[in-house]
Amino acid sequence: MNNEAKQDANSLAEVVGGLAADAQALIRGEIALARVEFDQNVHRMIMAFVWLMGGALFGFAGLVVVLQGAAFALAIVIPTWAASLAVGIVVVVIGTFFTRAGLSRLSLRAMAPDRTAANLEKDAQLIKEHV
């Protein structure tokens, strides 16, 4: 009986050790899978960015051609230099508008967490009232 108890204890220790090793292997496998999946997602995002930039460059080239065509069409009515100048001025005004709109959205004030600050103020006020 004493021998059987030792065998049971040994087999129980082996089972527990095997479970711990299996759990460790499972966790390592999950981490490896997560790394591979993350790498694939990053690669997919990089490729999407490359395609997006390619599309933007072709769109920009198309816009230049359209603006040049507009200047040529306007040159039928007014001198070529004036048509190019008029189209250029319109493009600069639109570009200035977009730039200002973008810069206003990049300001630190626009990035401030206003709702969080308001909630913190309310929480601080609540704490002061109850203390």
C-alpha atoms as a PDB file:
ATOM      1  CA  MET A   1       0.000   0.000   0.000  1.00  0.00           C
ATOM      2  CA  ASN A   2       2.822   2.313   0.799  1.00  0.00           C
ATOM      3  CA  ASN A   3       4.238   1.655  -2.655  1.00  0.00           C
ATOM      4  CA  GLU A   4       0.869   2.419  -4.260  1.00  0.00           C
ATOM      5  CA  ALA A   5       0.646   5.751  -2.426  1.00  0.00           C
ATOM      6  CA  LYS A   6       4.096   6.697  -3.703  1.00  0.00           C
ATOM      7  CA  GLN A   7       3.088   5.753  -7.249  1.00  0.00           C
ATOM      8  CA  ASP A   8      -0.121   7.800  -6.965  1.00  0.00           C
ATOM      9  CA  ALA A   9       1.819  10.768  -5.622  1.00  0.00           C
ATOM     10  CA  ASN A  10       4.378  10.418  -8.420  1.00  0.00           C
ATOM     11  CA  SER A  11       1.681  10.097 -11.079  1.00  0.00           C
ATOM     12  CA  LEU A  12      -0.200  13.074  -9.618  1.00  0.00           C
ATOM     13  CA  ALA A  13       2.995  15.131  -9.645  1.00  0.00           C
ATOM     14  CA  GLU A  14       3.624  14.038 -13.224  1.00  0.00           C
ATOM     15  CA  VAL A  15       0.074  15.008 -14.232  1.00  0.00           C
ATOM     16  CA  VAL A  16       0.353  18.408 -12.558  1.00  0.00           C
ATOM     17  CA  GLY A  17       3.788  18.940 -14.082  1.00  0.00           C
ATOM     18  CA  GLY A  18       2.470  17.886 -17.467  1.00  0.00           C
ATOM     19  CA  LEU A  19      -0.470  20.283 -17.130  1.00  0.00           C
ATOM     20  CA  ALA A  20       1.862  23.142 -16.206  1.00  0.00           C
ATOM     21  CA  ALA A  21       4.115  22.345 -19.174  1.00  0.00           C
ATOM     22  CA  ASP A  22       1.111  22.089 -21.497  1.00  0.00           C
ATOM     23  CA  ALA A  23      -0.286  25.403 -20.221  1.00  0.00           C
ATOM     24  CA  GLN A  24       3.103  27.034 -20.711  1.00  0.00           C
ATOM     25  CA  ALA A  25       3.365  25.635 -24.247  1.00  0.00           C
ATOM     26  CA  LEU A  26      -0.180  26.774 -24.994  1.00  0.00           C
ATOM     27  CA  ILE A  27       0.581  30.302 -23.791  1.00  0.00           C
ATOM     28  CA  ARG A  28       3.798  30.408 -25.819  1.00  0.00           C
ATOM     29  CA  GLY A  29       1.908  29.188 -28.862  1.00  0.00           C
ATOM     30  CA  GLU A  30      -0.784  31.835 -28.404  1.00  0.00           C
ATOM     31  CA  ILE A  31       1.864  34.550 -28.055  1.00  0.00           C
ATOM     32  CA  ALA A  32       3.610  33.305 -31.202  1.00  0.00           C
ATOM     33  CA  LEU A  33       0.283  33.290 -33.054  1.00  0.00           C
ATOM     34  CA  ALA A  34      -0.473  36.808 -31.840  1.00  0.00           C
ATOM     35  CA  ARG A  35       2.949  37.987 -33.076  1.00  0.00           C
ATOM     36  CA  VAL A  36       2.420  36.429 -36.497  1.00  0.00           C
ATOM     37  CA  GLU A  37      -1.079  37.865 -36.729  1.00  0.00           C
ATOM     38  CA  PHE A  38       0.176  41.301 -35.642  1.00  0.00           C
ATOM     39  CA  ASP A  39       2.981  41.165 -38.229  1.00  0.00           C
ATOM     40  CA  GLN A  40       0.490  40.225 -40.933  1.00  0.00           C
ATOM     41  CA  ASN A  41      -1.822  43.077 -39.920  1.00  0.00           C
ATOM     42  CA  VAL A  42       1.056  45.560 -39.927  1.00  0.00           C
ATOM     43  CA  HIS A  43       2.133  44.329 -43.365  1.00  0.00           C
ATOM     44  CA  ARG A  44      -1.456  44.644 -44.613  1.00  0.00           C
ATOM     45  CA  MET A  45      -1.680  48.203 -43.245  1.00  0.00           C
ATOM     46  CA  ILE A  46       1.629  49.165 -44.848  1.00  0.00           C
ATOM     47  CA  MET A  47       0.437  47.830 -48.194  1.00  0.00           C
ATOM     48  CA  ALA A  48      -2.854  49.705 -47.806  1.00  0.00           C
ATOM     49  CA  PHE A  49      -0.884  52.880 -47.087  1.00  0.00           C
ATOM     50  CA  VAL A  50       1.262  52.316 -50.197  1.00  0.00           C
ATOM     51  CA  TRP A  51      -1.862  51.884 -52.336  1.00  0.00           C
ATOM     52  CA  LEU A  52      -3.432  54.944 -50.702  1.00  0.00           C
ATOM     53  CA  MET A  53      -0.353  57.050 -51.425  1.00  0.00           C
ATOM     54  CA  GLY A  54      -0.264  55.776 -55.012  1.00  0.00           C
ATOM     55  CA  GLY A  55      -3.896  56.728 -55.444  1.00  0.00           C
ATOM     56  CA  ALA A  56      -3.272  60.141 -53.922  1.00  0.00           C
ATOM     57  CA  LEU A  57      -0.325  60.767 -56.266  1.00  0.00           C
ATOM     58  CA  PHE A  58      -2.340  59.778 -59.322  1.00  0.00           C
ATOM     59  CA  GLY A  59      -5.248  61.900 -58.065  1.00  0.00           C
ATOM     60  CA  PHE A  60      -2.904  64.851 -57.631  1.00  0.00           C
ATOM     61  CA  ALA A  61      -1.512  64.365 -61.144  1.00  0.00           C
ATOM     62  CA  GLY A  62      -5.067  64.246 -62.478  1.00  0.00           C
ATOM     63  CA  LEU A  63      -5.942  67.422 -60.600  1.00  0.00           C
ATOM     64  CA  VAL A  64      -2.952  69.198 -62.153  1.00  0.00           C
ATOM     65  CA  VAL A  65      -4.084  68.150 -65.628  1.00  0.00           C
ATOM     66  CA  VAL A  66      -7.669  69.258 -64.938  1.00  0.00           C
ATOM     67  CA  LEU A  67      -6.474  72.621 -63.641  1.00  0.00           C
ATOM     68  CA  GLN A  68      -4.246  73.015 -66.677  1.00  0.00           C
ATOM     69  CA  GLY A  69      -7.240  72.223 -68.895  1.00  0.00           C
ATOM     70  CA  ALA A  70      -9.307  74.806 -67.022  1.00  0.00           C
ATOM     71  CA  ALA A  71      -6.591  77.380 -67.595  1.00  0.00           C
ATOM     72  CA  PHE A  72      -6.457  76.509 -71.318  1.00  0.00           C
ATOM     73  CA  ALA A  73     -10.249  76.745 -71.566  1.00  0.00           C
ATOM     74  CA  LEU A  74     -10.187  80.107 -69.809  1.00  0.00           C
ATOM     75  CA  ALA A  75      -7.407  81.187 -72.161  1.00  0.00           C
ATOM     76  CA  ILE A  76      -9.963  81.181 -74.979  1.00  0.00           C
ATOM     77  CA  VAL A  77     -11.638  84.177 -73.342  1.00  0.00           C
ATOM     78  CA  ILE A  78      -8.669  85.962 -71.745  1.00  0.00           C
ATOM     79  CA  PRO A  79      -4.898  85.899 -72.345  1.00  0.00           C
ATOM     80  CA  THR A  80      -3.104  82.663 -71.406  1.00  0.00           C
ATOM     81  CA  TRP A  81      -1.036  84.311 -68.673  1.00  0.00           C
ATOM     82  CA  ALA A  82      -4.188  85.742 -67.055  1.00  0.00           C
ATOM     83  CA  ALA A  83      -6.021  82.412 -67.268  1.00  0.00           C
ATOM     84  CA  SER A  84      -3.119  80.571 -65.623  1.00  0.00           C
ATOM     85  CA  LEU A  85      -2.888  83.271 -62.965  1.00  0.00           C
ATOM     86  CA  ALA A  86      -6.644  83.114 -62.244  1.00  0.00           C
ATOM     87  CA  VAL A  87      -6.655  79.319 -61.914  1.00  0.00           C
ATOM     88  CA  GLY A  88      -3.500  79.467 -59.767  1.00  0.00           C
ATOM     89  CA  ILE A  89      -5.039  82.045 -57.441  1.00  0.00           C
ATOM     90  CA  VAL A  90      -8.191  79.960 -57.009  1.00  0.00           C
ATOM     91  CA  VAL A  91      -6.076  76.890 -56.201  1.00  0.00           C
ATOM     92  CA  VAL A  92      -3.967  78.840 -53.681  1.00  0.00           C
ATOM     93  CA  VAL A  93      -7.104  80.195 -51.966  1.00  0.00           C
ATOM     94  CA  ILE A  94      -8.603  76.699 -51.706  1.00  0.00           C
ATOM     95  CA  GLY A  95      -5.255  75.321 -50.479  1.00  0.00           C
ATOM     96  CA  THR A  96      -5.044  78.068 -47.849  1.00  0.00           C
ATOM     97  CA  PHE A  97      -8.550  77.219 -46.648  1.00  0.00           C
ATOM     98  CA  PHE A  98      -7.685  73.519 -46.322  1.00  0.00           C
ATOM     99  CA  THR A  99      -4.380  74.315 -44.593  1.00  0.00           C
ATOM    100  CA  ARG A 100      -6.016  76.593 -42.028  1.00  0.00           C
ATOM    101  CA  ALA A 101      -8.761  74.057 -41.372  1.00  0.00           C
ATOM    102  CA  GLY A 102      -6.151  71.327 -40.863  1.00  0.00           C
ATOM    103  CA  LEU A 103      -3.983  73.473 -38.601  1.00  0.00           C
ATOM    104  CA  SER A 104      -6.952  74.407 -36.433  1.00  0.00           C
ATOM    105  CA  ARG A 105      -7.681  70.713 -35.937  1.00  0.00           C
ATOM    106  CA  LEU A 106      -4.049  70.079 -34.963  1.00  0.00           C
ATOM    107  CA  SER A 107      -3.961  72.705 -32.245  1.00  0.00           C
ATOM    108  CA  LEU A 108      -3.359  71.555 -28.686  1.00  0.00           C
ATOM    109  CA  ARG A 109      -6.643  73.129 -27.616  1.00  0.00           C
ATOM    110  CA  ALA A 110      -8.547  70.924 -30.055  1.00  0.00           C
ATOM    111  CA  MET A 111      -6.784  67.861 -28.664  1.00  0.00           C
ATOM    112  CA  ALA A 112      -7.586  68.622 -25.030  1.00  0.00           C
ATOM    113  CA  PRO A 113      -9.892  66.052 -23.404  1.00  0.00           C
ATOM    114  CA  ASP A 114     -12.635  68.538 -22.482  1.00  0.00           C
ATOM    115  CA  ARG A 115     -15.203  65.965 -21.348  1.00  0.00           C
ATOM    116  CA  THR A 116     -12.665  64.166 -19.180  1.00  0.00           C
ATOM    117  CA  ALA A 117     -11.579  67.451 -17.596  1.00  0.00           C
ATOM    118  CA  ALA A 118     -15.207  68.356 -16.913  1.00  0.00           C
ATOM    119  CA  ASN A 119     -15.842  64.935 -15.355  1.00  0.00           C
ATOM    120  CA  LEU A 120     -12.729  65.280 -13.190  1.00  0.00           C
ATOM    121  CA  GLU A 121     -13.909  68.685 -11.996  1.00  0.00           C
ATOM    122  CA  LYS A 122     -17.317  67.219 -11.123  1.00  0.00           C
ATOM    123  CA  ASP A 123     -15.657  64.327  -9.290  1.00  0.00           C
ATOM    124  CA  ALA A 124     -13.402  66.704  -7.360  1.00  0.00           C
ATOM    125  CA  GLN A 125     -16.419  68.825  -6.417  1.00  0.00           C
ATOM    126  CA  LEU A 126     -18.314  65.723  -5.291  1.00  0.00           C
ATOM    127  CA  ILE A 127     -15.380  64.616  -3.146  1.00  0.00           C
ATOM    128  CA  LYS A 128     -15.107  68.082  -1.571  1.00  0.00           C
ATOM    129  CA  GLU A 129     -18.821  68.038  -0.709  1.00  0.00           C
ATOM    130  CA  HIS A 130     -18.625  64.612   0.939  1.00  0.00           C
ATOM    131  CA  VAL A 131     -15.375  65.117   2.853  1.00  0.00           C
END
